[in-house]
Amino acid sequence: MSDNFRARVEAVVAQIPPGRVMTYGQLAALCGNARAARIVGGIAHFGDPDLPWQRVVNKRGGLAAGYPGGRAAHAAHLQAEGIAVSADYYVNVTELLWNPS
């Protein structure tokens, strides 16, 4: 993927409001490549650590094992924003999904 795709992904992630989430696939589609969810995951893993990557989850609301500190740290960061996380590390993606205008 191009640096332009990375820049678009990071620009959208920067806008996700506290208490809301987006999925890797949703980000990929919004940024011009609906089939690039795994690439978005790579961008999240190696991207700008100052962005709110904790607000990005899989399509079922699952938290990322590759998140710095693992799923427990991912859960803690989301819970700090008031997001409920299940004992098996899922959020209610239907209720919390953010769609930028």
N, C-alpha and C. Protein backbone atom coordinates (compact mmCIF):
# COMPACT_ATOMS: atom_id res chain seq x y z
N MET A 1 0.84 -1.19 0.00
CA MET A 1 0.00 0.00 0.00
C MET A 1 0.88 1.25 0.00
N SER A 2 0.32 2.27 -0.47
CA SER A 2 1.06 3.52 -0.60
C SER A 2 1.06 4.30 0.71
N ASP A 3 2.00 5.23 0.78
CA ASP A 3 2.04 6.14 1.92
C ASP A 3 0.77 6.98 1.98
N ASN A 4 0.16 7.21 0.81
CA ASN A 4 -1.08 7.98 0.76
C ASN A 4 -2.21 7.22 1.48
N PHE A 5 -2.27 5.90 1.28
CA PHE A 5 -3.27 5.09 1.98
C PHE A 5 -3.04 5.17 3.48
N ARG A 6 -1.79 5.02 3.89
CA ARG A 6 -1.44 5.13 5.31
C ARG A 6 -1.89 6.48 5.87
N ALA A 7 -1.61 7.54 5.13
CA ALA A 7 -1.97 8.90 5.59
C ALA A 7 -3.49 9.03 5.74
N ARG A 8 -4.23 8.45 4.79
CA ARG A 8 -5.70 8.52 4.88
C ARG A 8 -6.20 7.75 6.10
N VAL A 9 -5.64 6.56 6.33
CA VAL A 9 -6.05 5.76 7.49
C VAL A 9 -5.77 6.54 8.77
N GLU A 10 -4.57 7.06 8.90
CA GLU A 10 -4.21 7.79 10.12
C GLU A 10 -5.07 9.03 10.30
N ALA A 11 -5.44 9.70 9.21
CA ALA A 11 -6.29 10.89 9.31
C ALA A 11 -7.68 10.53 9.85
N VAL A 12 -8.22 9.40 9.40
CA VAL A 12 -9.55 8.98 9.89
C VAL A 12 -9.46 8.53 11.34
N VAL A 13 -8.45 7.75 11.67
CA VAL A 13 -8.29 7.29 13.06
C VAL A 13 -8.19 8.48 14.02
N ALA A 14 -7.51 9.51 13.61
CA ALA A 14 -7.36 10.70 14.45
C ALA A 14 -8.70 11.35 14.78
N GLN A 15 -9.72 11.09 13.97
CA GLN A 15 -11.03 11.71 14.15
C GLN A 15 -12.01 10.88 14.97
N ILE A 16 -11.69 9.61 15.23
CA ILE A 16 -12.63 8.75 15.96
C ILE A 16 -12.82 9.33 17.36
N PRO A 17 -14.05 9.68 17.70
CA PRO A 17 -14.27 10.30 19.02
C PRO A 17 -14.15 9.30 20.17
N PRO A 18 -13.79 9.78 21.34
CA PRO A 18 -13.75 8.92 22.53
C PRO A 18 -15.11 8.24 22.73
N GLY A 19 -15.06 6.98 23.14
CA GLY A 19 -16.29 6.24 23.39
C GLY A 19 -16.89 5.60 22.15
N ARG A 20 -16.24 5.71 21.01
CA ARG A 20 -16.72 5.12 19.76
C ARG A 20 -15.61 4.28 19.16
N VAL A 21 -15.96 3.38 18.23
CA VAL A 21 -14.98 2.53 17.57
C VAL A 21 -15.23 2.48 16.07
N MET A 22 -14.22 2.05 15.34
CA MET A 22 -14.33 1.73 13.92
C MET A 22 -13.68 0.37 13.73
N THR A 23 -14.02 -0.30 12.62
CA THR A 23 -13.40 -1.58 12.33
C THR A 23 -12.28 -1.40 11.31
N TYR A 24 -11.39 -2.39 11.26
CA TYR A 24 -10.30 -2.36 10.28
C TYR A 24 -10.86 -2.30 8.86
N GLY A 25 -11.88 -3.10 8.59
CA GLY A 25 -12.49 -3.12 7.27
C GLY A 25 -13.19 -1.82 6.92
N GLN A 26 -13.86 -1.25 7.89
CA GLN A 26 -14.53 0.03 7.68
C GLN A 26 -13.50 1.10 7.32
N LEU A 27 -12.40 1.13 8.05
CA LEU A 27 -11.33 2.09 7.75
C LEU A 27 -10.77 1.86 6.35
N ALA A 28 -10.53 0.60 6.02
CA ALA A 28 -9.98 0.28 4.69
C ALA A 28 -10.91 0.79 3.60
N ALA A 29 -12.21 0.53 3.73
CA ALA A 29 -13.18 0.97 2.72
C ALA A 29 -13.23 2.49 2.62
N LEU A 30 -13.28 3.16 3.76
CA LEU A 30 -13.33 4.62 3.75
C LEU A 30 -12.09 5.25 3.12
N CYS A 31 -10.99 4.53 3.20
CA CYS A 31 -9.72 5.06 2.69
C CYS A 31 -9.39 4.58 1.28
N GLY A 32 -10.35 3.90 0.64
CA GLY A 32 -10.20 3.59 -0.76
C GLY A 32 -9.86 2.17 -1.14
N ASN A 33 -9.76 1.24 -0.17
CA ASN A 33 -9.46 -0.14 -0.53
C ASN A 33 -10.18 -1.08 0.45
N ALA A 34 -11.41 -1.42 0.12
CA ALA A 34 -12.25 -2.22 1.01
C ALA A 34 -11.66 -3.57 1.36
N ARG A 35 -10.70 -4.05 0.58
CA ARG A 35 -10.12 -5.36 0.82
C ARG A 35 -8.81 -5.29 1.62
N ALA A 36 -8.52 -4.15 2.21
CA ALA A 36 -7.23 -3.94 2.86
C ALA A 36 -7.32 -3.90 4.39
N ALA A 37 -8.25 -4.63 4.98
CA ALA A 37 -8.39 -4.61 6.44
C ALA A 37 -7.11 -5.05 7.14
N ARG A 38 -6.45 -6.08 6.61
CA ARG A 38 -5.20 -6.55 7.24
C ARG A 38 -4.10 -5.50 7.14
N ILE A 39 -4.09 -4.77 6.05
CA ILE A 39 -3.10 -3.70 5.90
C ILE A 39 -3.37 -2.61 6.92
N VAL A 40 -4.64 -2.30 7.15
CA VAL A 40 -4.99 -1.32 8.19
C VAL A 40 -4.49 -1.82 9.54
N GLY A 41 -4.62 -3.13 9.80
CA GLY A 41 -4.10 -3.70 11.04
C GLY A 41 -2.60 -3.50 11.16
N GLY A 42 -1.88 -3.67 10.06
CA GLY A 42 -0.43 -3.42 10.07
C GLY A 42 -0.10 -1.97 10.33
N ILE A 43 -0.88 -1.08 9.73
CA ILE A 43 -0.68 0.36 9.97
C ILE A 43 -0.92 0.66 11.44
N ALA A 44 -1.96 0.05 12.00
CA ALA A 44 -2.25 0.27 13.42
C ALA A 44 -1.10 -0.23 14.30
N HIS A 45 -0.57 -1.38 13.95
CA HIS A 45 0.49 -1.98 14.76
C HIS A 45 1.79 -1.17 14.72
N PHE A 46 2.10 -0.63 13.55
CA PHE A 46 3.36 0.08 13.38
C PHE A 46 3.19 1.58 13.20
N GLY A 47 1.95 2.07 13.32
CA GLY A 47 1.66 3.48 13.05
C GLY A 47 2.00 4.41 14.19
N ASP A 48 1.62 5.64 14.00
CA ASP A 48 1.85 6.71 14.97
C ASP A 48 1.24 6.34 16.32
N PRO A 49 2.06 6.17 17.35
CA PRO A 49 1.53 5.74 18.65
C PRO A 49 0.70 6.81 19.36
N ASP A 50 0.71 8.02 18.83
CA ASP A 50 -0.09 9.09 19.45
C ASP A 50 -1.53 9.11 18.97
N LEU A 51 -1.86 8.26 18.00
CA LEU A 51 -3.23 8.19 17.51
C LEU A 51 -4.05 7.22 18.36
N PRO A 52 -5.37 7.38 18.38
CA PRO A 52 -6.22 6.53 19.24
C PRO A 52 -6.51 5.16 18.62
N TRP A 53 -5.47 4.36 18.42
CA TRP A 53 -5.63 3.03 17.83
C TRP A 53 -6.50 2.12 18.68
N GLN A 54 -6.65 2.41 19.97
CA GLN A 54 -7.50 1.58 20.83
C GLN A 54 -8.94 1.60 20.34
N ARG A 55 -9.31 2.57 19.54
CA ARG A 55 -10.68 2.70 19.04
C ARG A 55 -10.92 1.90 17.76
N VAL A 56 -9.94 1.09 17.35
CA VAL A 56 -10.08 0.26 16.16
C VAL A 56 -10.16 -1.20 16.60
N VAL A 57 -11.22 -1.88 16.14
CA VAL A 57 -11.48 -3.27 16.53
C VAL A 57 -11.80 -4.09 15.29
N ASN A 58 -11.89 -5.41 15.44
CA ASN A 58 -12.25 -6.22 14.28
C ASN A 58 -13.76 -6.14 14.02
N LYS A 59 -14.19 -6.74 12.92
CA LYS A 59 -15.58 -6.57 12.49
C LYS A 59 -16.61 -7.10 13.48
N ARG A 60 -16.20 -7.99 14.36
CA ARG A 60 -17.10 -8.50 15.39
C ARG A 60 -16.92 -7.78 16.73
N GLY A 61 -16.07 -6.77 16.75
CA GLY A 61 -15.84 -6.03 18.00
C GLY A 61 -14.72 -6.60 18.83
N GLY A 62 -13.97 -7.55 18.28
CA GLY A 62 -12.88 -8.17 19.02
C GLY A 62 -11.67 -7.26 19.14
N LEU A 63 -11.01 -7.35 20.27
CA LEU A 63 -9.81 -6.55 20.51
C LEU A 63 -8.59 -7.25 19.94
N ALA A 64 -7.53 -6.48 19.72
CA ALA A 64 -6.34 -6.97 19.02
C ALA A 64 -5.31 -7.58 19.97
N ALA A 65 -4.92 -8.81 19.67
CA ALA A 65 -3.85 -9.46 20.42
C ALA A 65 -2.53 -8.74 20.19
N GLY A 66 -2.37 -8.12 19.02
CA GLY A 66 -1.13 -7.42 18.68
C GLY A 66 -1.05 -6.01 19.23
N TYR A 67 -2.07 -5.57 19.94
CA TYR A 67 -2.06 -4.25 20.55
C TYR A 67 -0.93 -4.22 21.59
N PRO A 68 -0.20 -3.12 21.71
CA PRO A 68 0.88 -3.06 22.73
C PRO A 68 0.32 -3.41 24.12
N GLY A 69 0.81 -4.49 24.69
CA GLY A 69 0.31 -4.96 25.98
C GLY A 69 -0.78 -6.00 25.83
N GLY A 70 -1.15 -6.34 24.57
CA GLY A 70 -2.15 -7.37 24.31
C GLY A 70 -3.58 -6.91 24.51
N ARG A 71 -4.48 -7.88 24.47
CA ARG A 71 -5.91 -7.57 24.59
C ARG A 71 -6.26 -6.93 25.92
N ALA A 72 -5.57 -7.30 26.98
CA ALA A 72 -5.87 -6.71 28.30
C ALA A 72 -5.58 -5.22 28.29
N ALA A 73 -4.48 -4.81 27.68
CA ALA A 73 -4.16 -3.38 27.59
C ALA A 73 -5.13 -2.66 26.67
N HIS A 74 -5.51 -3.33 25.56
CA HIS A 74 -6.49 -2.74 24.65
C HIS A 74 -7.79 -2.50 25.41
N ALA A 75 -8.22 -3.50 26.17
CA ALA A 75 -9.44 -3.38 26.97
C ALA A 75 -9.33 -2.24 27.98
N ALA A 76 -8.21 -2.15 28.66
CA ALA A 76 -8.03 -1.10 29.68
C ALA A 76 -8.13 0.29 29.06
N HIS A 77 -7.56 0.47 27.88
CA HIS A 77 -7.62 1.79 27.23
C HIS A 77 -9.05 2.13 26.81
N LEU A 78 -9.79 1.15 26.33
CA LEU A 78 -11.19 1.40 25.96
C LEU A 78 -12.05 1.65 27.20
N GLN A 79 -11.82 0.87 28.24
CA GLN A 79 -12.58 1.05 29.48
C GLN A 79 -12.32 2.42 30.09
N ALA A 80 -11.12 2.94 29.93
CA ALA A 80 -10.79 4.28 30.43
C ALA A 80 -11.63 5.35 29.72
N GLU A 81 -12.13 5.03 28.54
CA GLU A 81 -12.99 5.95 27.78
C GLU A 81 -14.47 5.68 28.05
N GLY A 82 -14.76 4.73 28.93
CA GLY A 82 -16.14 4.41 29.26
C GLY A 82 -16.76 3.33 28.40
N ILE A 83 -15.95 2.64 27.61
CA ILE A 83 -16.46 1.57 26.75
C ILE A 83 -16.44 0.25 27.51
N ALA A 84 -17.59 -0.42 27.54
CA ALA A 84 -17.68 -1.73 28.19
C ALA A 84 -17.01 -2.78 27.31
N VAL A 85 -16.19 -3.61 27.94
CA VAL A 85 -15.50 -4.69 27.24
C VAL A 85 -15.86 -6.00 27.95
N SER A 86 -16.25 -6.99 27.18
CA SER A 86 -16.63 -8.28 27.77
C SER A 86 -15.40 -9.01 28.31
N ALA A 87 -15.65 -10.02 29.11
CA ALA A 87 -14.56 -10.81 29.71
C ALA A 87 -13.72 -11.51 28.65
N ASP A 88 -14.30 -11.76 27.46
CA ASP A 88 -13.55 -12.38 26.38
C ASP A 88 -13.06 -11.35 25.35
N TYR A 89 -12.99 -10.10 25.77
CA TYR A 89 -12.37 -9.01 25.00
C TYR A 89 -13.12 -8.63 23.72
N TYR A 90 -14.41 -8.38 23.87
CA TYR A 90 -15.22 -7.86 22.77
C TYR A 90 -15.96 -6.62 23.23
N VAL A 91 -16.23 -5.72 22.28
CA VAL A 91 -17.09 -4.57 22.52
C VAL A 91 -18.33 -4.71 21.65
N ASN A 92 -19.37 -3.99 21.99
CA ASN A 92 -20.60 -4.01 21.20
C ASN A 92 -20.41 -3.10 19.99
N VAL A 93 -19.87 -3.68 18.91
CA VAL A 93 -19.53 -2.90 17.73
C VAL A 93 -20.78 -2.29 17.09
N THR A 94 -21.92 -2.95 17.18
CA THR A 94 -23.15 -2.42 16.59
C THR A 94 -23.54 -1.11 17.27
N GLU A 95 -23.43 -1.09 18.57
CA GLU A 95 -23.81 0.10 19.35
C GLU A 95 -22.77 1.22 19.27
N LEU A 96 -21.51 0.86 19.17
CA LEU A 96 -20.42 1.84 19.29
C LEU A 96 -19.81 2.29 17.98
N LEU A 97 -20.20 1.68 16.86
CA LEU A 97 -19.59 1.99 15.57
C LEU A 97 -19.77 3.45 15.20
N TRP A 98 -18.66 4.08 14.81
CA TRP A 98 -18.69 5.47 14.39
C TRP A 98 -18.58 5.55 12.88
N ASN A 99 -19.48 6.32 12.29
CA ASN A 99 -19.44 6.57 10.85
C ASN A 99 -19.21 8.04 10.61
N PRO A 100 -18.04 8.42 10.13
CA PRO A 100 -17.79 9.83 9.88
C PRO A 100 -18.68 10.35 8.76
N SER A 101 -19.03 11.59 8.87
CA SER A 101 -19.92 12.21 7.86
C SER A 101 -19.13 12.66 6.66
